[in-house]
């Protein structure tokens, strides 16, 4: 289950953040990259490297920041599924 801090919002970049499996995640779609990063806590986002990060999509230059929020929800779920497999099988 996702505990949202911010659902996908904005453009250039589109961003979202929340908690999943007791880990903080930060999603960002900007330039041509769509990425999601996972940390133990929100505080770790500012102080440490991510536990795990995924490049979810590459687009044409500058196109990632204009993705629809609906598409970003789909990509976030894709990242959460990947992370759940990482947690289960690490």
Protein backbone atom coordinates (compact mmCIF):
# COMPACT_ATOMS: atom_id res chain seq x y z
CA UNK A 1 0.00 0.00 0.00
CA UNK A 2 1.23 3.48 -0.88
CA UNK A 3 1.16 6.24 1.72
CA UNK A 4 1.31 9.39 -0.40
CA UNK A 5 3.04 12.57 0.70
CA UNK A 6 2.48 14.08 -2.75
CA UNK A 7 0.79 12.34 -5.66
CA UNK A 8 2.18 13.15 -9.12
CA UNK A 9 2.04 16.91 -9.59
CA UNK A 10 3.62 19.66 -11.64
CA UNK A 11 5.36 19.68 -14.98
CA UNK A 12 9.03 20.01 -15.83
CA UNK A 13 9.49 18.15 -13.53
CA UNK A 14 6.61 15.90 -12.61
CA UNK A 15 7.31 14.77 -9.04
CA UNK A 16 5.75 12.48 -6.43
CA UNK A 17 6.78 11.11 -3.07
CA UNK A 18 5.51 8.81 -0.40
CA UNK A 19 6.11 5.60 1.50
CA UNK A 20 5.95 2.02 0.25
CA UNK A 21 6.91 -1.06 2.30
CA UNK A 22 8.11 1.31 5.03
CA UNK A 23 10.56 3.00 2.65
CA UNK A 24 10.43 6.56 1.38
CA UNK A 25 10.32 6.98 -2.40
CA UNK A 26 10.91 9.99 -4.62
CA UNK A 27 9.73 9.99 -8.24
CA UNK A 28 10.86 12.52 -10.83
CA UNK A 29 10.22 12.94 -14.55
CA UNK A 30 12.41 15.63 -16.09
CA UNK A 31 14.41 16.23 -19.26
CA UNK A 32 14.40 12.79 -20.89
CA UNK A 33 14.55 10.67 -17.73
CA UNK A 34 11.87 9.18 -15.49
CA UNK A 35 13.37 7.84 -12.26
CA UNK A 36 12.34 6.60 -8.84
CA UNK A 37 14.59 6.37 -5.78
CA UNK A 38 14.06 4.55 -2.48
CA UNK A 39 15.39 5.45 0.97
CA UNK A 40 14.88 4.14 4.52
CA UNK A 41 13.23 7.44 5.47
CA UNK A 42 12.49 10.90 4.12
CA UNK A 43 15.39 12.29 6.16
CA UNK A 44 17.77 9.90 4.38
CA UNK A 45 16.76 11.50 1.07
CA UNK A 46 18.72 14.60 2.11
CA UNK A 47 21.68 12.82 3.70
CA UNK A 48 22.47 9.53 1.97
CA UNK A 49 22.54 7.73 -1.34
CA UNK A 50 19.40 5.80 -2.26
CA UNK A 51 19.00 2.17 -1.24
CA UNK A 52 17.78 1.46 -4.75
CA UNK A 53 17.05 3.56 -7.82
CA UNK A 54 15.43 2.73 -11.13
CA UNK A 55 15.41 4.42 -14.50
CA UNK A 56 11.81 3.75 -15.53
CA UNK A 57 11.70 5.42 -18.93
CA UNK A 58 13.75 7.53 -21.31
CA UNK A 59 12.05 9.89 -23.72
CA UNK A 60 12.99 12.40 -26.35
CA UNK A 61 14.82 15.42 -24.97
CA UNK A 62 12.62 17.43 -22.55
CA UNK A 63 9.60 15.13 -23.07
CA UNK A 64 9.67 13.44 -19.64
CA UNK A 65 8.66 16.62 -17.83
CA UNK A 66 5.49 16.81 -19.90
CA UNK A 67 4.22 13.28 -19.24
CA UNK A 68 0.63 13.07 -18.07
CA UNK A 69 0.09 12.46 -14.38
CA UNK A 70 -1.84 9.31 -15.32
CA UNK A 71 1.23 7.93 -17.14
CA UNK A 72 3.37 8.87 -14.12
CA UNK A 73 1.08 6.87 -11.80
CA UNK A 74 1.64 3.86 -14.06
CA UNK A 75 5.42 4.36 -13.98
CA UNK A 76 5.42 4.77 -10.20
CA UNK A 77 3.60 1.44 -9.83
CA UNK A 78 6.19 -0.10 -12.17
CA UNK A 79 8.94 1.17 -9.85
CA UNK A 80 7.14 -0.05 -6.74
CA UNK A 81 6.77 -3.54 -8.20
CA UNK A 82 10.49 -3.64 -9.03
CA UNK A 83 11.34 -2.48 -5.52
CA UNK A 84 9.07 -5.07 -3.92
CA UNK A 85 10.95 -7.81 -5.78
CA UNK A 86 14.23 -6.29 -4.62
CA UNK A 87 13.03 -6.33 -0.98
CA UNK A 88 11.71 -9.89 -1.23
CA UNK A 89 14.79 -11.39 -2.89
CA UNK A 90 17.76 -9.38 -1.62
